[in-house]
Amino acid sequence: MRVNCVGAIIFDASDRLLLVQRGHPPGMGLWSLPGGRLEPGESDAAGLRREILEETGLRVEVGRLAGTVERPGPGGVTYVIRDYLATVTGGVPAAGDDAADLRWCATAELALLPLTEGLLGCLTEWGVLTGSP
């Protein structure tokens, strides 16, 4: 079974990337982009705005699609994750929903964190990172 998901690539004014620490499986304790599963009939943009607000307390404007990945999940599920660039339009950052924590990270810090599998490679391949990882 394929499950459609969305994620947000959000940078602050200092070119730091917003990451959330997963509070639940899969990937509990690992750092990743904020996002999650789409609800039935929900568009990518609507789902992304909802998920980011739930996980981070931030409102965002959804930009272009940066890339898509497929990741295996429990019970033979495949998560199809479409990651979009997004810009903060309001709110106060605070971990919520299934995010245990959140932080803004400089590109150089990414290699020092326990990230979800393949995240750094995808962000590099998609050309969205500034500085050197």
Protein backbone atom coordinates (compact mmCIF):
# COMPACT_ATOMS: atom_id res chain seq x y z
CA MET A 1 0.00 0.00 0.00
CA ARG A 2 1.23 3.50 -0.86
CA VAL A 3 0.66 6.38 1.57
CA ASN A 4 0.95 9.95 0.25
CA CYS A 5 2.89 12.31 2.49
CA VAL A 6 4.30 15.83 2.28
CA GLY A 7 7.24 17.57 3.90
CA ALA A 8 8.46 21.16 4.10
CA ILE A 9 11.92 22.57 3.44
CA ILE A 10 11.88 25.82 5.43
CA PHE A 11 14.80 28.19 5.88
CA ASP A 12 14.99 31.18 8.21
CA ALA A 13 16.61 34.56 7.45
CA SER A 14 20.01 33.09 8.44
CA ASP A 15 19.66 30.21 5.91
CA ARG A 16 19.14 27.67 8.69
CA LEU A 17 16.89 24.69 7.95
CA LEU A 18 13.95 23.84 10.21
CA LEU A 19 14.06 20.25 11.47
CA VAL A 20 11.82 18.32 13.83
CA GLN A 21 12.79 15.42 16.03
CA ARG A 22 10.35 12.58 15.51
CA GLY A 23 8.43 11.70 18.63
CA HIS A 24 6.94 8.43 17.30
CA PRO A 25 7.94 5.56 15.01
CA PRO A 26 9.04 5.30 12.29
CA GLY A 27 12.26 7.15 12.96
CA MET A 28 11.54 8.06 16.58
CA GLY A 29 14.36 10.26 17.93
CA LEU A 30 15.72 11.09 14.48
CA TRP A 31 15.70 14.58 12.96
CA SER A 32 13.77 15.19 9.76
CA LEU A 33 11.76 17.71 7.79
CA PRO A 34 8.39 18.58 9.29
CA GLY A 35 5.43 17.02 7.51
CA GLY A 36 3.22 13.97 7.47
CA ARG A 37 0.43 12.02 5.82
CA LEU A 38 -2.19 13.58 3.62
CA GLU A 39 -5.80 13.12 4.62
CA PRO A 40 -8.21 11.63 2.02
CA GLY A 41 -9.01 14.21 -0.67
CA GLU A 42 -6.52 16.73 0.72
CA SER A 43 -4.25 18.60 -1.72
CA ASP A 44 -0.50 18.64 -1.16
CA ALA A 45 -0.56 22.37 -0.34
CA ALA A 46 -3.44 22.08 2.15
CA GLY A 47 -1.88 19.03 3.79
CA LEU A 48 1.49 20.71 4.06
CA ARG A 49 0.03 23.84 5.67
CA ARG A 50 -1.92 21.67 8.15
CA GLU A 51 1.00 19.40 9.03
CA ILE A 52 3.46 22.28 9.51
CA LEU A 53 1.03 24.15 11.76
CA GLU A 54 0.38 20.98 13.82
CA GLU A 55 4.06 20.03 14.17
CA THR A 56 5.74 23.42 14.45
CA GLY A 57 3.13 26.09 15.25
CA LEU A 58 4.12 27.93 12.06
CA ARG A 59 1.96 29.06 9.15
CA VAL A 60 3.61 28.69 5.77
CA GLU A 61 3.24 29.61 2.13
CA VAL A 62 3.91 26.55 -0.02
CA GLY A 63 6.46 26.95 -2.83
CA ARG A 64 7.76 24.64 -5.52
CA LEU A 65 8.21 20.89 -5.27
CA ALA A 66 11.86 20.19 -4.39
CA GLY A 67 11.73 16.41 -4.80
CA THR A 68 10.01 13.12 -4.06
CA VAL A 69 11.23 10.09 -2.14
CA GLU A 70 9.76 6.70 -1.31
CA ARG A 71 10.48 5.14 2.06
CA PRO A 72 9.42 1.74 3.43
CA GLY A 73 7.07 1.72 6.39
CA PRO A 74 5.67 -0.91 8.74
CA GLY A 75 3.56 -3.75 7.36
CA GLY A 76 4.66 -3.34 3.76
CA VAL A 77 3.52 0.29 3.52
CA THR A 78 5.46 2.61 1.20
CA TYR A 79 5.48 6.28 2.12
CA VAL A 80 5.57 8.50 -0.98
CA ILE A 81 6.89 11.82 0.34
CA ARG A 82 6.75 14.99 -1.73
CA ASP A 83 8.96 17.70 -0.20
CA TYR A 84 8.17 21.34 -0.98
CA LEU A 85 10.01 24.55 -0.32
CA ALA A 86 7.97 26.70 2.07
CA THR A 87 8.19 30.16 3.61
CA VAL A 88 7.05 31.07 7.12
CA THR A 89 4.21 33.61 7.12
CA GLY A 90 3.38 33.59 10.85
CA GLY A 91 3.23 31.71 14.10
CA VAL A 92 5.68 30.93 16.88
CA PRO A 93 7.90 27.85 16.51
CA ALA A 94 7.08 25.16 19.05
CA ALA A 95 7.18 21.36 18.79
CA GLY A 96 3.70 19.87 18.68
CA ASP A 97 1.70 16.88 17.45
CA ASP A 98 4.20 14.03 16.89
CA ALA A 99 7.32 16.24 16.96
CA ALA A 100 9.36 15.80 20.15
CA ASP A 101 11.50 18.88 19.45
CA LEU A 102 12.39 21.35 16.71
CA ARG A 103 15.44 23.37 15.82
CA TRP A 104 16.93 25.58 13.14
CA CYS A 105 20.17 24.07 11.76
CA ALA A 106 22.98 25.53 9.68
CA THR A 107 24.00 23.32 6.77
CA ALA A 108 27.29 22.44 8.51
CA GLU A 109 25.35 21.12 11.55
CA LEU A 110 23.28 18.63 9.54
CA ALA A 111 26.05 16.03 9.32
CA LEU A 112 26.35 16.08 13.14
CA LEU A 113 22.71 15.16 13.81
CA PRO A 114 21.05 11.73 13.70
CA LEU A 115 18.95 12.39 10.56
CA THR A 116 16.34 10.18 8.95
CA GLU A 117 17.85 7.90 6.32
CA GLY A 118 18.73 9.62 3.07
CA LEU A 119 17.66 13.13 4.14
CA LEU A 120 21.02 14.86 3.72
CA GLY A 121 21.63 13.14 0.38
CA CYS A 122 18.25 14.19 -0.99
CA LEU A 123 18.59 17.79 0.13
CA THR A 124 22.04 17.93 -1.46
CA GLU A 125 20.86 16.25 -4.69
CA TRP A 126 17.90 18.64 -4.95
CA GLY A 127 20.27 21.62 -4.61
CA VAL A 128 18.39 23.27 -1.75
CA LEU A 129 21.20 23.52 0.81
CA THR A 130 23.40 26.57 1.17
CA GLY A 131 26.95 26.37 2.46
CA SER A 132 28.77 23.06 2.72
CA PRO A 133 27.32 20.09 4.60
